[in-house]
C-alpha atoms as a PDB file:
ATOM      1  CA  MET A   1     -15.514  -3.104  -4.768  1.00  0.00           C
ATOM      2  CA  TYR A   2     -14.282  -5.666  -2.290  1.00  0.00           C
ATOM      3  CA  GLY A   3     -12.247  -8.843  -2.068  1.00  0.00           C
ATOM      4  CA  LYS A   4     -14.261 -12.047  -2.038  1.00  0.00           C
ATOM      5  CA  ILE A   5     -13.272 -15.521  -0.896  1.00  0.00           C
ATOM      6  CA  GLU A   6     -15.593 -18.500  -1.309  1.00  0.00           C
ATOM      7  CA  ASN A   7     -15.358 -21.860   0.410  1.00  0.00           C
ATOM      8  CA  GLN A   8     -17.707 -24.727   1.299  1.00  0.00           C
ATOM      9  CA  TYR A   9     -19.190 -22.751   4.210  1.00  0.00           C
ATOM     10  CA  GLY A  10     -20.007 -19.541   2.398  1.00  0.00           C
ATOM     11  CA  LYS A  11     -18.488 -16.270   1.235  1.00  0.00           C
ATOM     12  CA  ILE A  12     -16.163 -13.786   2.885  1.00  0.00           C
ATOM     13  CA  TYR A  13     -16.156 -10.163   1.720  1.00  0.00           C
ATOM     14  CA  ILE A  14     -13.205  -7.911   2.559  1.00  0.00           C
ATOM     15  CA  GLU A  15     -13.577  -4.171   1.971  1.00  0.00           C
ATOM     16  CA  ASN A  16     -10.857  -2.382   0.018  1.00  0.00           C
ATOM     17  CA  ASP A  17     -10.230  -0.060   2.966  1.00  0.00           C
ATOM     18  CA  VAL A  18      -9.327  -3.049   5.146  1.00  0.00           C
ATOM     19  CA  ILE A  19      -6.891  -4.316   2.513  1.00  0.00           C
ATOM     20  CA  ALA A  20      -5.385  -0.814   2.260  1.00  0.00           C
ATOM     21  CA  LYS A  21      -4.871  -0.634   6.029  1.00  0.00           C
ATOM     22  CA  ILE A  22      -3.125  -4.024   6.071  1.00  0.00           C
ATOM     23  CA  ALA A  23      -0.887  -2.915   3.199  1.00  0.00           C
ATOM     24  CA  GLY A  24      -0.149   0.415   4.899  1.00  0.00           C
ATOM     25  CA  LYS A  25       0.841  -1.194   8.190  1.00  0.00           C
ATOM     26  CA  ALA A  26       3.179  -3.575   6.369  1.00  0.00           C
ATOM     27  CA  ALA A  27       4.736  -0.834   4.238  1.00  0.00           C
ATOM     28  CA  VAL A  28       5.594   1.550   7.092  1.00  0.00           C
ATOM     29  CA  GLU A  29       7.667  -1.202   8.712  1.00  0.00           C
ATOM     30  CA  CYS A  30      10.091  -1.070   5.768  1.00  0.00           C
ATOM     31  CA  TYR A  31      13.374   0.770   6.106  1.00  0.00           C
ATOM     32  CA  GLY A  32      13.517   3.986   4.119  1.00  0.00           C
ATOM     33  CA  ILE A  33       9.833   4.838   3.944  1.00  0.00           C
ATOM     34  CA  VAL A  34       8.773   8.055   5.662  1.00  0.00           C
ATOM     35  CA  GLY A  35       5.050   7.617   5.100  1.00  0.00           C
ATOM     36  CA  PHE A  36       2.247   7.905   2.590  1.00  0.00           C
ATOM     37  CA  ALA A  37       1.298  10.830   0.402  1.00  0.00           C
ATOM     38  CA  SER A  38      -2.142  11.831  -0.753  1.00  0.00           C
ATOM     39  CA  LYS A  39      -3.023  10.483  -4.190  1.00  0.00           C
ATOM     40  CA  SER A  40      -3.176  13.925  -5.761  1.00  0.00           C
ATOM     41  CA  MET A  41      -0.652  16.728  -5.568  1.00  0.00           C
ATOM     42  CA  LYS A  42      -1.815  20.314  -5.149  1.00  0.00           C
ATOM     43  CA  ASN A  43       0.382  22.919  -6.849  1.00  0.00           C
ATOM     44  CA  GLY A  44       3.275  20.445  -6.875  1.00  0.00           C
ATOM     45  CA  ILE A  45       3.202  20.080  -3.085  1.00  0.00           C
ATOM     46  CA  VAL A  46       2.933  16.607  -1.571  1.00  0.00           C
ATOM     47  CA  GLU A  47       1.084  16.140   1.722  1.00  0.00           C
ATOM     48  CA  LEU A  48       2.429  13.569   4.200  1.00  0.00           C
ATOM     49  CA  LEU A  49      -0.554  11.670   5.595  1.00  0.00           C
ATOM     50  CA  LYS A  50      -0.837  10.894   9.288  1.00  0.00           C
ATOM     51  CA  SER A  51      -0.851   7.243  10.325  1.00  0.00           C
ATOM     52  CA  GLU A  52      -4.626   7.124  10.839  1.00  0.00           C
ATOM     53  CA  ASN A  53      -5.149   8.330   7.232  1.00  0.00           C
ATOM     54  CA  MET A  54      -2.510   6.213   5.504  1.00  0.00           C
ATOM     55  CA  ALA A  55      -5.168   4.187   3.628  1.00  0.00           C
ATOM     56  CA  LYS A  56      -5.906   7.365   1.651  1.00  0.00           C
ATOM     57  CA  GLY A  57      -2.484   6.979   0.054  1.00  0.00           C
ATOM     58  CA  ILE A  58      -3.289   3.506  -1.282  1.00  0.00           C
ATOM     59  CA  ASN A  59      -5.523   2.507  -4.197  1.00  0.00           C
ATOM     60  CA  VAL A  60      -6.914  -1.025  -4.084  1.00  0.00           C
ATOM     61  CA  ASN A  61      -8.607  -2.632  -7.076  1.00  0.00           C
ATOM     62  CA  VAL A  62     -10.124  -6.127  -6.971  1.00  0.00           C
ATOM     63  CA  ASP A  63     -11.357  -7.749 -10.185  1.00  0.00           C
ATOM     64  CA  ASP A  64     -12.134 -11.443 -10.596  1.00  0.00           C
ATOM     65  CA  GLU A  65      -9.609 -12.831  -8.131  1.00  0.00           C
ATOM     66  CA  ARG A  66      -7.004 -10.179  -9.133  1.00  0.00           C
ATOM     67  CA  LEU A  67      -5.864  -7.782  -6.448  1.00  0.00           C
ATOM     68  CA  GLU A  68      -3.933  -4.730  -7.642  1.00  0.00           C
ATOM     69  CA  MET A  69      -2.583  -1.908  -5.485  1.00  0.00           C
ATOM     70  CA  GLU A  70      -0.969   1.492  -5.967  1.00  0.00           C
ATOM     71  CA  LEU A  71       0.966   2.930  -3.045  1.00  0.00           C
ATOM     72  CA  PHE A  72       1.821   6.643  -3.017  1.00  0.00           C
ATOM     73  CA  VAL A  73       4.868   6.945  -0.762  1.00  0.00           C
ATOM     74  CA  ILE A  74       7.440   9.395   0.504  1.00  0.00           C
ATOM     75  CA  ILE A  75      10.958   7.976   0.783  1.00  0.00           C
ATOM     76  CA  GLU A  76      13.777   9.012   3.125  1.00  0.00           C
ATOM     77  CA  TYR A  77      16.552  11.010   1.472  1.00  0.00           C
ATOM     78  CA  GLY A  78      19.774   9.070   1.038  1.00  0.00           C
ATOM     79  CA  THR A  79      18.211   5.645   0.581  1.00  0.00           C
ATOM     80  CA  LYS A  80      18.218   3.740  -2.710  1.00  0.00           C
ATOM     81  CA  ILE A  81      14.694   4.252  -4.063  1.00  0.00           C
ATOM     82  CA  SER A  82      14.600   1.008  -6.051  1.00  0.00           C
ATOM     83  CA  GLU A  83      15.616  -1.088  -3.016  1.00  0.00           C
ATOM     84  CA  VAL A  84      13.081   0.574  -0.749  1.00  0.00           C
ATOM     85  CA  ALA A  85      10.353   0.067  -3.384  1.00  0.00           C
ATOM     86  CA  HIS A  86      11.222  -3.637  -3.811  1.00  0.00           C
ATOM     87  CA  ASN A  87      11.168  -4.143  -0.035  1.00  0.00           C
ATOM     88  CA  ILE A  88       7.764  -2.457   0.189  1.00  0.00           C
ATOM     89  CA  MET A  89       6.405  -4.649  -2.622  1.00  0.00           C
ATOM     90  CA  ASP A  90       7.654  -7.864  -1.014  1.00  0.00           C
ATOM     91  CA  ARG A  91       6.423  -7.032   2.474  1.00  0.00           C
ATOM     92  CA  VAL A  92       3.023  -5.746   1.346  1.00  0.00           C
ATOM     93  CA  LYS A  93       2.424  -8.752  -0.918  1.00  0.00           C
ATOM     94  CA  TYR A  94       3.321 -11.195   1.849  1.00  0.00           C
ATOM     95  CA  SER A  95       1.276  -9.420   4.504  1.00  0.00           C
ATOM     96  CA  VAL A  96      -1.875  -8.958   2.402  1.00  0.00           C
ATOM     97  CA  GLU A  97      -1.827 -12.547   1.133  1.00  0.00           C
ATOM     98  CA  LYS A  98      -1.174 -13.933   4.620  1.00  0.00           C
ATOM     99  CA  ASN A  99      -3.874 -11.882   6.343  1.00  0.00           C
ATOM    100  CA  THR A 100      -6.632 -11.979   3.715  1.00  0.00           C
ATOM    101  CA  GLY A 101      -6.070 -15.137   1.678  1.00  0.00           C
ATOM    102  CA  LEU A 102      -6.340 -13.074  -1.540  1.00  0.00           C
ATOM    103  CA  LYS A 103      -3.616 -13.336  -4.190  1.00  0.00           C
ATOM    104  CA  VAL A 104      -1.886 -10.066  -5.077  1.00  0.00           C
ATOM    105  CA  SER A 105      -1.251  -9.788  -8.812  1.00  0.00           C
ATOM    106  CA  LYS A 106       0.279  -6.305  -9.038  1.00  0.00           C
ATOM    107  CA  ILE A 107       1.752  -3.625  -6.768  1.00  0.00           C
ATOM    108  CA  ASP A 108       2.800  -0.239  -8.130  1.00  0.00           C
ATOM    109  CA  ILE A 109       4.924   2.064  -5.975  1.00  0.00           C
ATOM    110  CA  LYS A 110       4.588   5.742  -6.860  1.00  0.00           C
ATOM    111  CA  VAL A 111       7.249   7.817  -5.128  1.00  0.00           C
ATOM    112  CA  GLN A 112       5.659  11.228  -4.564  1.00  0.00           C
ATOM    113  CA  GLY A 113       8.627  12.795  -2.801  1.00  0.00           C
ATOM    114  CA  ILE A 114      11.632  12.450  -0.523  1.00  0.00           C
ATOM    115  CA  ARG A 115      12.157  13.811   2.957  1.00  0.00           C
ATOM    116  CA  VAL A 116      15.371  14.668   4.752  1.00  0.00           C
ATOM    117  CA  SER A 117      15.638  13.216   8.268  1.00  0.00           C
ATOM    118  CA  LYS A 118      16.304  15.615  11.123  1.00  0.00           C
END
């Protein structure tokens, strides 16, 4: 699926992977996020994705002008999880809407783990 914008000149199609990359770049700028986790855990172990693969930790679903996202994140130990999640939601929503012109209707943050800073 893809995001679609129509105007008097024609149609613009935005692939879900592009939307995921925009969301990922915005999210990693938030305080308290370590990075993204893969969508599935293996034997209870969470894998921290490298920056070039961060889109694999984001699900994007576009249906009839509705853009929904799930972000699978790893949070830094010692931060308030709810505050970090709210900051991620706000920044991702703003960034995706500003860069694509699509309206975000829902963002789910799924905390897959925490990591202690060195």
